[in-house]
Amino acid sequence: VYNVYMAGRQLCSKRYREFAILHQNLKREFANFTFPRLPGKWPFSLSEQQLDARRRGLEEYLEKVCSIRVIGESDIMQEFLSESDENYNGVSDVELRVALPDGTTVTVRVKKNSTTDQVYQAIAAKVGMDSTTVNYFALFEVINHFFVRKLAPNEFPHKLYVQNYTSAVPGTCLTIRKWLFTTEEEILLNDNDLAVTYFFHQYLNMLRTCEGYNEIIFPHCACDSRRKGHVITAISITHFKLHACTEEGQLENQVIAFEWDEMQRWDTDEEGMAFCFEYARGEKKPRWVKIFTPYFNYMHECFERVFCELKWRKENIFQMARSQQRDVAT
């Protein structure tokens, strides 16, 4: 069985004959494409050096073939990359490489069917996060150079890992990012060496004064409050904004800013792929608004997190937790 890596990540474990079957299936499906030569089969036992050379040859074959987008995204190739051989029992170990906020990476070995929470706990243990710090970071998927999406707790990171073998971040599409909206709580983490390393504290004093800090900006999308054009959604601890823009994402002058105490209810529309919220202003009747975005679940998580942190602030939870931690340390 060959453990195959592409772009620095383990994609699959396959037998040679499975590669041979893939090669034949692809040649039948894409008859007009000239495929690279598959490393030949050898009837005798191979040395470790020969086995490694064959593995590299198989990796090069996949890289060349998958560089053709229509082939790389075909059902034949996706099925090959996601399915294991006949001995796969659903719990085999895989290695996941994850980017860290300080620019380094960490590799963890987990079960192939591990959920987001399980993978995150493995990463936290590997880098030495304590029980406090672990609450302020989370596992994200790199969508592109400008946007990352927080993984839901029940997602399977390895599945994303395979699907995104060509990603915006060299070597991995998985990254650890800060999951915290409240600046006051972030400041209280200054005595946590790991958190400070990840936060790059030498820049934060300046950055915290900048507009848009600790704000998540979503890609432009349709909204039922606009007949023409799209909106760009921005979420921070102080407000929730809808920036008007064209359907191409070009910003326009109109901005609607909501205070968090104006929010009445919020939910997701799975079928319509939309995030919905109800707000009320003054004596006016409450109104529902729908934002049609593929990231509706992530937007819902942001709302939940902001209100959770607002509750912490109101109940002085941040300071109490930090005080208790200092008492334990002394």
C-alpha atoms as a PDB file:
ATOM      1  CA  VAL A   1       0.000   0.000   0.000  1.00  0.00           C
ATOM      2  CA  TYR A   2       1.375   3.407  -1.015  1.00  0.00           C
ATOM      3  CA  ASN A   3       0.737   6.503   1.101  1.00  0.00           C
ATOM      4  CA  VAL A   4       0.361   9.224  -1.511  1.00  0.00           C
ATOM      5  CA  TYR A   5       1.137  12.872  -0.774  1.00  0.00           C
ATOM      6  CA  MET A   6       0.327  15.921  -2.897  1.00  0.00           C
ATOM      7  CA  ALA A   7       1.147  19.543  -2.062  1.00  0.00           C
ATOM      8  CA  GLY A   8       2.637  18.312   1.197  1.00  0.00           C
ATOM      9  CA  ARG A   9      -0.446  16.500   2.453  1.00  0.00           C
ATOM     10  CA  GLN A  10      -1.421  12.858   2.650  1.00  0.00           C
ATOM     11  CA  LEU A  11      -4.293  12.229   0.272  1.00  0.00           C
ATOM     12  CA  CYS A  12      -4.819   8.510   0.233  1.00  0.00           C
ATOM     13  CA  SER A  13      -3.397   5.030   0.741  1.00  0.00           C
ATOM     14  CA  LYS A  14      -3.760   2.850  -2.352  1.00  0.00           C
ATOM     15  CA  ARG A  15      -2.460  -0.375  -3.831  1.00  0.00           C
ATOM     16  CA  TYR A  16      -0.634  -0.303  -7.164  1.00  0.00           C
ATOM     17  CA  ARG A  17      -3.446  -2.143  -8.934  1.00  0.00           C
ATOM     18  CA  GLU A  18      -5.862   0.618  -7.861  1.00  0.00           C
ATOM     19  CA  PHE A  19      -3.661   3.140  -9.653  1.00  0.00           C
ATOM     20  CA  ALA A  20      -3.654   0.889 -12.722  1.00  0.00           C
ATOM     21  CA  ILE A  21      -7.472   0.713 -12.670  1.00  0.00           C
ATOM     22  CA  LEU A  22      -7.670   4.499 -12.261  1.00  0.00           C
ATOM     23  CA  HIS A  23      -5.323   4.962 -15.223  1.00  0.00           C
ATOM     24  CA  GLN A  24      -7.478   2.775 -17.474  1.00  0.00           C
ATOM     25  CA  ASN A  25     -10.737   4.418 -16.339  1.00  0.00           C
ATOM     26  CA  LEU A  26      -9.369   7.901 -16.986  1.00  0.00           C
ATOM     27  CA  LYS A  27      -8.083   6.933 -20.434  1.00  0.00           C
ATOM     28  CA  ARG A  28     -11.558   5.668 -21.346  1.00  0.00           C
ATOM     29  CA  GLU A  29     -13.298   8.764 -19.966  1.00  0.00           C
ATOM     30  CA  PHE A  30     -10.866  11.306 -21.433  1.00  0.00           C
ATOM     31  CA  ALA A  31      -9.857   9.602 -24.659  1.00  0.00           C
ATOM     32  CA  ASN A  32      -8.506  12.795 -26.253  1.00  0.00           C
ATOM     33  CA  PHE A  33      -6.034  13.508 -23.451  1.00  0.00           C
ATOM     34  CA  THR A  34      -2.490  12.159 -23.607  1.00  0.00           C
ATOM     35  CA  PHE A  35      -1.879  10.724 -20.155  1.00  0.00           C
ATOM     36  CA  PRO A  36       1.590  10.460 -18.610  1.00  0.00           C
ATOM     37  CA  ARG A  37       3.061   6.993 -18.253  1.00  0.00           C
ATOM     38  CA  LEU A  38       2.179   5.122 -15.083  1.00  0.00           C
ATOM     39  CA  PRO A  39       5.209   3.585 -13.309  1.00  0.00           C
ATOM     40  CA  GLY A  40       5.516  -0.017 -14.463  1.00  0.00           C
ATOM     41  CA  LYS A  41       4.566  -3.036 -12.361  1.00  0.00           C
ATOM     42  CA  TRP A  42       7.453  -5.163 -11.053  1.00  0.00           C
ATOM     43  CA  PRO A  43       6.767  -8.869 -10.403  1.00  0.00           C
ATOM     44  CA  PHE A  44       9.464  -9.262  -7.739  1.00  0.00           C
ATOM     45  CA  SER A  45       9.910  -7.782  -4.278  1.00  0.00           C
ATOM     46  CA  LEU A  46      11.085  -4.176  -4.231  1.00  0.00           C
ATOM     47  CA  SER A  47      13.680  -2.658  -1.931  1.00  0.00           C
ATOM     48  CA  GLU A  48      12.786   0.319   0.285  1.00  0.00           C
ATOM     49  CA  GLN A  49      14.542   2.620  -2.169  1.00  0.00           C
ATOM     50  CA  GLN A  50      12.633   1.159  -5.119  1.00  0.00           C
ATOM     51  CA  LEU A  51       9.330   1.410  -3.224  1.00  0.00           C
ATOM     52  CA  ASP A  52       9.986   5.072  -2.431  1.00  0.00           C
ATOM     53  CA  ALA A  53      10.868   5.769  -6.068  1.00  0.00           C
ATOM     54  CA  ARG A  54       7.609   4.148  -7.201  1.00  0.00           C
ATOM     55  CA  ARG A  55       5.617   6.140  -4.644  1.00  0.00           C
ATOM     56  CA  ARG A  56       7.165   9.365  -5.943  1.00  0.00           C
ATOM     57  CA  GLY A  57       6.367   8.269  -9.488  1.00  0.00           C
ATOM     58  CA  LEU A  58       2.735   7.668  -8.555  1.00  0.00           C
ATOM     59  CA  GLU A  59       2.572  11.076  -6.859  1.00  0.00           C
ATOM     60  CA  GLU A  60       4.003  12.761  -9.965  1.00  0.00           C
ATOM     61  CA  TYR A  61       1.425  10.943 -12.078  1.00  0.00           C
ATOM     62  CA  LEU A  62      -1.432  12.254  -9.917  1.00  0.00           C
ATOM     63  CA  GLU A  63      -0.027  15.788  -9.853  1.00  0.00           C
ATOM     64  CA  LYS A  64       0.255  15.912 -13.652  1.00  0.00           C
ATOM     65  CA  VAL A  65      -3.195  14.443 -14.196  1.00  0.00           C
ATOM     66  CA  CYS A  66      -4.899  16.576 -11.523  1.00  0.00           C
ATOM     67  CA  SER A  67      -3.321  19.739 -12.938  1.00  0.00           C
ATOM     68  CA  ILE A  68      -5.964  19.402 -15.665  1.00  0.00           C
ATOM     69  CA  ARG A  69      -8.957  20.775 -13.764  1.00  0.00           C
ATOM     70  CA  VAL A  70     -11.662  18.817 -15.580  1.00  0.00           C
ATOM     71  CA  ILE A  71      -9.811  15.579 -14.776  1.00  0.00           C
ATOM     72  CA  GLY A  72      -8.895  16.510 -11.202  1.00  0.00           C
ATOM     73  CA  GLU A  73     -12.512  17.386 -10.402  1.00  0.00           C
ATOM     74  CA  SER A  74     -14.019  14.427 -12.248  1.00  0.00           C
ATOM     75  CA  ASP A  75     -16.080  11.858 -10.365  1.00  0.00           C
ATOM     76  CA  ILE A  76     -13.520   9.168 -11.213  1.00  0.00           C
ATOM     77  CA  MET A  77     -10.647  11.083  -9.620  1.00  0.00           C
ATOM     78  CA  GLN A  78     -12.616  12.338  -6.611  1.00  0.00           C
ATOM     79  CA  GLU A  79     -13.840   8.825  -5.886  1.00  0.00           C
ATOM     80  CA  PHE A  80     -10.285   7.515  -6.126  1.00  0.00           C
ATOM     81  CA  LEU A  81      -8.933  10.153  -3.740  1.00  0.00           C
ATOM     82  CA  SER A  82     -11.683   9.758  -1.156  1.00  0.00           C
ATOM     83  CA  GLU A  83     -12.155   5.995  -1.070  1.00  0.00           C
ATOM     84  CA  SER A  84      -9.688   3.544   0.425  1.00  0.00           C
ATOM     85  CA  ASP A  85      -8.875   0.012  -0.651  1.00  0.00           C
ATOM     86  CA  GLU A  86     -10.880  -3.051   0.246  1.00  0.00           C
ATOM     87  CA  ASN A  87      -9.229  -3.317   3.647  1.00  0.00           C
ATOM     88  CA  TYR A  88     -10.289   0.173   4.710  1.00  0.00           C
ATOM     89  CA  ASN A  89     -12.423  -0.089   7.851  1.00  0.00           C
ATOM     90  CA  GLY A  90     -13.260   3.593   8.255  1.00  0.00           C
ATOM     91  CA  VAL A  91     -10.846   4.268  11.117  1.00  0.00           C
ATOM     92  CA  SER A  92      -7.401   4.196   9.504  1.00  0.00           C
ATOM     93  CA  ASP A  93      -4.888   6.823  10.596  1.00  0.00           C
ATOM     94  CA  VAL A  94      -3.995   9.811   8.416  1.00  0.00           C
ATOM     95  CA  GLU A  95      -1.695  12.779   8.802  1.00  0.00           C
ATOM     96  CA  LEU A  96      -3.069  16.313   8.566  1.00  0.00           C
ATOM     97  CA  ARG A  97      -0.816  19.326   8.212  1.00  0.00           C
ATOM     98  CA  VAL A  98      -2.293  22.475   9.720  1.00  0.00           C
ATOM     99  CA  ALA A  99      -1.041  26.053   9.392  1.00  0.00           C
ATOM    100  CA  LEU A 100      -0.586  27.970  12.647  1.00  0.00           C
ATOM    101  CA  PRO A 101      -1.062  31.721  13.182  1.00  0.00           C
ATOM    102  CA  ASP A 102       2.689  32.303  13.600  1.00  0.00           C
ATOM    103  CA  GLY A 103       3.425  31.049  10.087  1.00  0.00           C
ATOM    104  CA  THR A 104       4.595  27.570  11.092  1.00  0.00           C
ATOM    105  CA  THR A 105       2.762  24.294  10.527  1.00  0.00           C
ATOM    106  CA  VAL A 106       2.017  21.312  12.712  1.00  0.00           C
ATOM    107  CA  THR A 107       1.268  17.754  11.611  1.00  0.00           C
ATOM    108  CA  VAL A 108      -1.127  15.608  13.620  1.00  0.00           C
ATOM    109  CA  ARG A 109      -1.990  11.955  13.168  1.00  0.00           C
ATOM    110  CA  VAL A 110      -5.710  11.310  13.592  1.00  0.00           C
ATOM    111  CA  LYS A 111      -8.372   8.858  12.509  1.00  0.00           C
ATOM    112  CA  LYS A 112      -9.582   9.420   8.968  1.00  0.00           C
ATOM    113  CA  ASN A 113     -13.142   9.940  10.180  1.00  0.00           C
ATOM    114  CA  SER A 114     -12.193  12.376  12.968  1.00  0.00           C
ATOM    115  CA  THR A 115     -14.494  15.364  13.354  1.00  0.00           C
ATOM    116  CA  THR A 116     -13.432  19.002  13.552  1.00  0.00           C
ATOM    117  CA  ASP A 117     -13.539  18.959  17.349  1.00  0.00           C
ATOM    118  CA  GLN A 118     -11.405  15.819  17.531  1.00  0.00           C
ATOM    119  CA  VAL A 119      -8.812  17.192  15.114  1.00  0.00           C
ATOM    120  CA  TYR A 120      -8.722  20.531  16.934  1.00  0.00           C
ATOM    121  CA  GLN A 121      -8.158  18.817  20.282  1.00  0.00           C
ATOM    122  CA  ALA A 122      -5.275  16.841  18.757  1.00  0.00           C
ATOM    123  CA  ILE A 123      -3.725  20.069  17.447  1.00  0.00           C
ATOM    124  CA  ALA A 124      -4.222  21.847  20.772  1.00  0.00           C
ATOM    125  CA  ALA A 125      -2.474  19.007  22.595  1.00  0.00           C
ATOM    126  CA  LYS A 126       0.374  18.963  20.054  1.00  0.00           C
ATOM    127  CA  VAL A 127       1.135  22.694  20.370  1.00  0.00           C
ATOM    128  CA  GLY A 128       0.580  22.777  24.145  1.00  0.00           C
ATOM    129  CA  MET A 129      -2.559  24.891  24.487  1.00  0.00           C
ATOM    130  CA  ASP A 130      -3.924  25.037  28.023  1.00  0.00           C
ATOM    131  CA  SER A 131      -7.605  24.701  28.904  1.00  0.00           C
ATOM    132  CA  THR A 132      -8.099  28.472  28.735  1.00  0.00           C
ATOM    133  CA  THR A 133      -6.296  29.206  25.478  1.00  0.00           C
ATOM    134  CA  VAL A 134      -8.098  26.420  23.631  1.00  0.00           C
ATOM    135  CA  ASN A 135     -11.338  28.430  23.858  1.00  0.00           C
ATOM    136  CA  TYR A 136      -9.965  31.340  21.834  1.00  0.00           C
ATOM    137  CA  PHE A 137      -8.832  29.536  18.695  1.00  0.00           C
ATOM    138  CA  ALA A 138     -10.555  27.232  16.212  1.00  0.00           C
ATOM    139  CA  LEU A 139      -9.966  25.217  13.041  1.00  0.00           C
ATOM    140  CA  PHE A 140     -10.658  27.028   9.754  1.00  0.00           C
ATOM    141  CA  GLU A 141     -10.648  26.196   6.048  1.00  0.00           C
ATOM    142  CA  VAL A 142      -8.722  28.535   3.744  1.00  0.00           C
ATOM    143  CA  ILE A 143     -11.135  29.494   0.950  1.00  0.00           C
ATOM    144  CA  ASN A 144      -8.728  31.961  -0.696  1.00  0.00           C
ATOM    145  CA  HIS A 145      -6.121  34.555   0.306  1.00  0.00           C
ATOM    146  CA  PHE A 146      -8.828  36.866   1.659  1.00  0.00           C
ATOM    147  CA  PHE A 147     -11.306  34.582   3.411  1.00  0.00           C
ATOM    148  CA  VAL A 148     -11.247  31.643   5.806  1.00  0.00           C
ATOM    149  CA  ARG A 149     -14.274  29.676   6.986  1.00  0.00           C
ATOM    150  CA  LYS A 150     -14.625  28.192  10.456  1.00  0.00           C
ATOM    151  CA  LEU A 151     -15.276  24.464  10.287  1.00  0.00           C
ATOM    152  CA  ALA A 152     -18.456  23.232  11.956  1.00  0.00           C
ATOM    153  CA  PRO A 153     -17.860  20.855  14.906  1.00  0.00           C
ATOM    154  CA  ASN A 154     -19.252  17.831  13.035  1.00  0.00           C
ATOM    155  CA  GLU A 155     -17.360  18.288   9.747  1.00  0.00           C
ATOM    156  CA  PHE A 156     -14.617  15.900   8.631  1.00  0.00           C
ATOM    157  CA  PRO A 157     -11.386  17.853   8.042  1.00  0.00           C
ATOM    158  CA  HIS A 158      -9.717  15.030   6.109  1.00  0.00           C
ATOM    159  CA  LYS A 159     -12.498  15.129   3.530  1.00  0.00           C
ATOM    160  CA  LEU A 160     -11.816  18.840   2.958  1.00  0.00           C
ATOM    161  CA  TYR A 161      -8.109  18.068   2.935  1.00  0.00           C
ATOM    162  CA  VAL A 162      -8.569  15.723  -0.020  1.00  0.00           C
ATOM    163  CA  GLN A 163     -11.023  17.933  -1.899  1.00  0.00           C
ATOM    164  CA  ASN A 164      -8.768  20.988  -1.673  1.00  0.00           C
ATOM    165  CA  TYR A 165      -5.411  19.520  -2.616  1.00  0.00           C
ATOM    166  CA  THR A 166      -4.765  22.725  -4.561  1.00  0.00           C
ATOM    167  CA  SER A 167      -5.356  25.508  -2.049  1.00  0.00           C
ATOM    168  CA  ALA A 168      -4.478  29.112  -1.353  1.00  0.00           C
ATOM    169  CA  VAL A 169      -2.023  28.082   1.368  1.00  0.00           C
ATOM    170  CA  PRO A 170       0.875  25.918   0.128  1.00  0.00           C
ATOM    171  CA  GLY A 171       0.779  22.539   1.805  1.00  0.00           C
ATOM    172  CA  THR A 172      -2.589  22.739   3.526  1.00  0.00           C
ATOM    173  CA  CYS A 173      -6.086  24.194   3.379  1.00  0.00           C
ATOM    174  CA  LEU A 174      -6.512  23.865   7.161  1.00  0.00           C
ATOM    175  CA  THR A 175      -5.434  26.588   9.548  1.00  0.00           C
ATOM    176  CA  ILE A 176      -5.771  27.577  13.184  1.00  0.00           C
ATOM    177  CA  ARG A 177      -7.113  31.087  13.623  1.00  0.00           C
ATOM    178  CA  LYS A 178      -8.238  33.255  16.490  1.00  0.00           C
ATOM    179  CA  TRP A 179     -11.891  32.747  17.426  1.00  0.00           C
ATOM    180  CA  LEU A 180     -12.526  35.784  19.579  1.00  0.00           C
ATOM    181  CA  PHE A 181     -14.362  39.049  19.022  1.00  0.00           C
ATOM    182  CA  THR A 182     -13.790  40.830  22.347  1.00  0.00           C
ATOM    183  CA  THR A 183     -10.669  43.018  22.449  1.00  0.00           C
ATOM    184  CA  GLU A 184     -10.726  43.319  26.265  1.00  0.00           C
ATOM    185  CA  GLU A 185     -10.466  39.553  26.657  1.00  0.00           C
ATOM    186  CA  GLU A 186      -7.652  39.426  24.132  1.00  0.00           C
ATOM    187  CA  ILE A 187      -5.665  41.935  26.204  1.00  0.00           C
ATOM    188  CA  LEU A 188      -6.138  39.743  29.285  1.00  0.00           C
ATOM    189  CA  LEU A 189      -4.344  36.950  27.404  1.00  0.00           C
ATOM    190  CA  ASN A 190      -1.093  38.943  27.324  1.00  0.00           C
ATOM    191  CA  ASP A 191       0.330  36.743  30.095  1.00  0.00           C
ATOM    192  CA  ASN A 192      -0.235  33.597  28.012  1.00  0.00           C
ATOM    193  CA  ASP A 193       2.978  32.965  26.077  1.00  0.00           C
ATOM    194  CA  LEU A 194       1.410  30.779  23.407  1.00  0.00           C
ATOM    195  CA  ALA A 195      -1.526  33.118  22.828  1.00  0.00           C
ATOM    196  CA  VAL A 196       0.817  36.102  22.645  1.00  0.00           C
ATOM    197  CA  THR A 197       3.001  34.299  20.121  1.00  0.00           C
ATOM    198  CA  TYR A 198      -0.024  33.594  17.982  1.00  0.00           C
ATOM    199  CA  PHE A 199      -1.463  37.070  18.352  1.00  0.00           C
ATOM    200  CA  PHE A 200       1.784  38.778  17.342  1.00  0.00           C
ATOM    201  CA  HIS A 201       1.329  41.187  20.242  1.00  0.00           C
ATOM    202  CA  GLN A 202       3.984  43.601  18.994  1.00  0.00           C
ATOM    203  CA  TYR A 203       1.538  44.692  16.280  1.00  0.00           C
ATOM    204  CA  LEU A 204      -1.717  44.444  18.150  1.00  0.00           C
ATOM    205  CA  ASN A 205      -1.568  47.718  20.113  1.00  0.00           C
ATOM    206  CA  MET A 206      -1.621  49.574  16.827  1.00  0.00           C
ATOM    207  CA  LEU A 207      -3.966  47.253  14.982  1.00  0.00           C
ATOM    208  CA  ARG A 208      -6.616  47.320  17.710  1.00  0.00           C
ATOM    209  CA  THR A 209      -7.224  50.991  16.972  1.00  0.00           C
ATOM    210  CA  CYS A 210      -7.745  50.368  13.255  1.00  0.00           C
ATOM    211  CA  GLU A 211     -11.190  50.255  11.713  1.00  0.00           C
ATOM    212  CA  GLY A 212     -12.182  46.696  10.917  1.00  0.00           C
ATOM    213  CA  TYR A 213     -10.044  45.016  13.601  1.00  0.00           C
ATOM    214  CA  ASN A 214     -11.689  41.883  15.042  1.00  0.00           C
ATOM    215  CA  GLU A 215     -14.276  42.178  12.282  1.00  0.00           C
ATOM    216  CA  ILE A 216     -15.225  39.337   9.950  1.00  0.00           C
ATOM    217  CA  ILE A 217     -16.118  40.388   6.417  1.00  0.00           C
ATOM    218  CA  PHE A 218     -17.989  37.917   4.241  1.00  0.00           C
ATOM    219  CA  PRO A 219     -17.850  37.680   0.424  1.00  0.00           C
ATOM    220  CA  HIS A 220     -20.537  39.708  -1.335  1.00  0.00           C
ATOM    221  CA  CYS A 221     -23.866  37.964  -1.890  1.00  0.00           C
ATOM    222  CA  ALA A 222     -27.551  38.590  -2.543  1.00  0.00           C
ATOM    223  CA  CYS A 223     -29.921  39.914   0.125  1.00  0.00           C
ATOM    224  CA  ASP A 224     -33.707  40.177  -0.003  1.00  0.00           C
ATOM    225  CA  SER A 225     -33.563  43.770   1.271  1.00  0.00           C
ATOM    226  CA  ARG A 226     -32.018  44.814  -2.064  1.00  0.00           C
ATOM    227  CA  ARG A 227     -33.805  44.469  -5.386  1.00  0.00           C
ATOM    228  CA  LYS A 228     -30.606  45.108  -7.319  1.00  0.00           C
ATOM    229  CA  GLY A 229     -27.038  44.468  -6.316  1.00  0.00           C
ATOM    230  CA  HIS A 230     -25.454  42.563  -3.458  1.00  0.00           C
ATOM    231  CA  VAL A 231     -24.316  43.230   0.105  1.00  0.00           C
ATOM    232  CA  ILE A 232     -21.034  42.703   1.933  1.00  0.00           C
ATOM    233  CA  THR A 233     -21.670  41.560   5.499  1.00  0.00           C
ATOM    234  CA  ALA A 234     -19.384  42.702   8.338  1.00  0.00           C
ATOM    235  CA  ILE A 235     -19.643  41.338  11.890  1.00  0.00           C
ATOM    236  CA  SER A 236     -17.832  42.705  14.951  1.00  0.00           C
ATOM    237  CA  ILE A 237     -18.476  42.945  18.682  1.00  0.00           C
ATOM    238  CA  THR A 238     -19.821  46.499  18.244  1.00  0.00           C
ATOM    239  CA  HIS A 239     -22.094  46.148  15.244  1.00  0.00           C
ATOM    240  CA  PHE A 240     -23.478  44.180  12.333  1.00  0.00           C
ATOM    241  CA  LYS A 241     -23.188  45.984   8.984  1.00  0.00           C
ATOM    242  CA  LEU A 242     -24.523  45.448   5.488  1.00  0.00           C
ATOM    243  CA  HIS A 243     -22.463  47.324   2.888  1.00  0.00           C
ATOM    244  CA  ALA A 244     -24.279  47.836  -0.405  1.00  0.00           C
ATOM    245  CA  CYS A 245     -22.321  46.751  -3.483  1.00  0.00           C
ATOM    246  CA  THR A 246     -22.815  45.755  -7.095  1.00  0.00           C
ATOM    247  CA  GLU A 247     -23.304  42.150  -8.156  1.00  0.00           C
ATOM    248  CA  GLU A 248     -19.582  42.151  -8.954  1.00  0.00           C
ATOM    249  CA  GLY A 249     -18.688  43.224  -5.401  1.00  0.00           C
ATOM    250  CA  GLN A 250     -17.915  46.900  -6.108  1.00  0.00           C
ATOM    251  CA  LEU A 251     -18.721  48.924  -2.964  1.00  0.00           C
ATOM    252  CA  GLU A 252     -21.468  51.547  -3.094  1.00  0.00           C
ATOM    253  CA  ASN A 253     -22.196  54.384  -0.677  1.00  0.00           C
ATOM    254  CA  GLN A 254     -25.082  52.857   1.294  1.00  0.00           C
ATOM    255  CA  VAL A 255     -24.274  51.149   4.608  1.00  0.00           C
ATOM    256  CA  ILE A 256     -26.842  49.813   7.065  1.00  0.00           C
ATOM    257  CA  ALA A 257     -25.486  49.344  10.594  1.00  0.00           C
ATOM    258  CA  PHE A 258     -27.414  47.356  13.210  1.00  0.00           C
ATOM    259  CA  GLU A 259     -26.812  47.484  16.938  1.00  0.00           C
ATOM    260  CA  TRP A 260     -26.772  44.098  18.599  1.00  0.00           C
ATOM    261  CA  ASP A 261     -29.618  45.035  20.964  1.00  0.00           C
ATOM    262  CA  GLU A 262     -31.805  45.543  17.866  1.00  0.00           C
ATOM    263  CA  MET A 263     -31.545  41.857  17.008  1.00  0.00           C
ATOM    264  CA  GLN A 264     -34.606  39.833  17.960  1.00  0.00           C
ATOM    265  CA  ARG A 265     -34.059  36.415  16.391  1.00  0.00           C
ATOM    266  CA  TRP A 266     -31.781  34.718  13.873  1.00  0.00           C
ATOM    267  CA  ASP A 267     -31.747  31.363  12.125  1.00  0.00           C
ATOM    268  CA  THR A 268     -30.551  29.529   9.015  1.00  0.00           C
ATOM    269  CA  ASP A 269     -32.534  28.422   5.983  1.00  0.00           C
ATOM    270  CA  GLU A 270     -30.884  25.177   4.877  1.00  0.00           C
ATOM    271  CA  GLU A 271     -32.960  24.768   1.717  1.00  0.00           C
ATOM    272  CA  GLY A 272     -32.602  28.391   0.644  1.00  0.00           C
ATOM    273  CA  MET A 273     -28.932  28.532   1.710  1.00  0.00           C
ATOM    274  CA  ALA A 274     -29.564  31.738   3.631  1.00  0.00           C
ATOM    275  CA  PHE A 275     -28.921  33.356   6.994  1.00  0.00           C
ATOM    276  CA  CYS A 276     -32.040  35.060   8.392  1.00  0.00           C
ATOM    277  CA  PHE A 277     -32.325  37.643  11.141  1.00  0.00           C
ATOM    278  CA  GLU A 278     -35.144  39.695  12.624  1.00  0.00           C
ATOM    279  CA  TYR A 279     -34.492  43.200  13.927  1.00  0.00           C
ATOM    280  CA  ALA A 280     -36.617  45.888  15.553  1.00  0.00           C
ATOM    281  CA  ARG A 281     -35.983  49.630  15.667  1.00  0.00           C
ATOM    282  CA  GLY A 282     -37.926  51.978  17.910  1.00  0.00           C
ATOM    283  CA  GLU A 283     -41.671  51.577  17.556  1.00  0.00           C
ATOM    284  CA  LYS A 284     -41.442  50.027  14.111  1.00  0.00           C
ATOM    285  CA  LYS A 285     -42.674  46.517  13.464  1.00  0.00           C
ATOM    286  CA  PRO A 286     -39.901  43.864  13.581  1.00  0.00           C
ATOM    287  CA  ARG A 287     -38.608  42.881  10.161  1.00  0.00           C
ATOM    288  CA  TRP A 288     -36.942  39.734   8.819  1.00  0.00           C
ATOM    289  CA  VAL A 289     -33.972  39.948   6.430  1.00  0.00           C
ATOM    290  CA  LYS A 290     -32.452  37.094   4.416  1.00  0.00           C
ATOM    291  CA  ILE A 291     -28.811  36.974   3.316  1.00  0.00           C
ATOM    292  CA  PHE A 292     -28.215  34.366   0.604  1.00  0.00           C
ATOM    293  CA  THR A 293     -24.701  33.078   1.218  1.00  0.00           C
ATOM    294  CA  PRO A 294     -23.054  29.630   1.085  1.00  0.00           C
ATOM    295  CA  TYR A 295     -21.559  30.575   4.461  1.00  0.00           C
ATOM    296  CA  PHE A 296     -24.908  30.888   6.248  1.00  0.00           C
ATOM    297  CA  ASN A 297     -23.907  28.408   8.973  1.00  0.00           C
ATOM    298  CA  TYR A 298     -20.669  30.295   9.639  1.00  0.00           C
ATOM    299  CA  MET A 299     -22.601  33.582   9.811  1.00  0.00           C
ATOM    300  CA  HIS A 300     -24.965  31.991  12.335  1.00  0.00           C
ATOM    301  CA  GLU A 301     -21.977  30.846  14.406  1.00  0.00           C
ATOM    302  CA  CYS A 302     -20.631  34.403  14.397  1.00  0.00           C
ATOM    303  CA  PHE A 303     -23.939  35.718  15.752  1.00  0.00           C
ATOM    304  CA  GLU A 304     -23.998  33.070  18.473  1.00  0.00           C
ATOM    305  CA  ARG A 305     -20.391  33.822  19.427  1.00  0.00           C
ATOM    306  CA  VAL A 306     -20.900  37.596  19.594  1.00  0.00           C
ATOM    307  CA  PHE A 307     -23.924  37.248  21.871  1.00  0.00           C
ATOM    308  CA  CYS A 308     -22.032  34.743  23.999  1.00  0.00           C
ATOM    309  CA  GLU A 309     -19.162  37.208  24.412  1.00  0.00           C
ATOM    310  CA  LEU A 310     -21.567  40.071  25.139  1.00  0.00           C
ATOM    311  CA  LYS A 311     -23.005  37.932  27.924  1.00  0.00           C
ATOM    312  CA  TRP A 312     -19.499  37.208  29.239  1.00  0.00           C
ATOM    313  CA  ARG A 313     -18.744  40.932  29.264  1.00  0.00           C
ATOM    314  CA  LYS A 314     -22.000  41.734  31.080  1.00  0.00           C
ATOM    315  CA  GLU A 315     -21.357  39.077  33.716  1.00  0.00           C
ATOM    316  CA  ASN A 316     -17.672  40.014  34.001  1.00  0.00           C
ATOM    317  CA  ILE A 317     -16.749  36.434  33.104  1.00  0.00           C
ATOM    318  CA  PHE A 318     -13.502  37.452  31.389  1.00  0.00           C
ATOM    319  CA  GLN A 319     -11.991  39.085  34.465  1.00  0.00           C
ATOM    320  CA  MET A 320     -13.263  36.378  36.841  1.00  0.00           C
ATOM    321  CA  ALA A 321     -11.745  33.579  34.743  1.00  0.00           C
ATOM    322  CA  ARG A 322      -8.425  35.401  34.434  1.00  0.00           C
ATOM    323  CA  SER A 323      -8.337  36.118  38.176  1.00  0.00           C
ATOM    324  CA  GLN A 324      -8.973  32.455  38.993  1.00  0.00           C
ATOM    325  CA  GLN A 325      -6.217  31.383  36.605  1.00  0.00           C
ATOM    326  CA  ARG A 326      -3.731  33.747  38.262  1.00  0.00           C
ATOM    327  CA  ASP A 327      -4.737  32.444  41.717  1.00  0.00           C
ATOM    328  CA  VAL A 328      -4.057  28.867  40.600  1.00  0.00           C
ATOM    329  CA  ALA A 329      -0.701  29.889  39.122  1.00  0.00           C
ATOM    330  CA  THR A 330       0.407  31.508  42.377  1.00  0.00           C
END
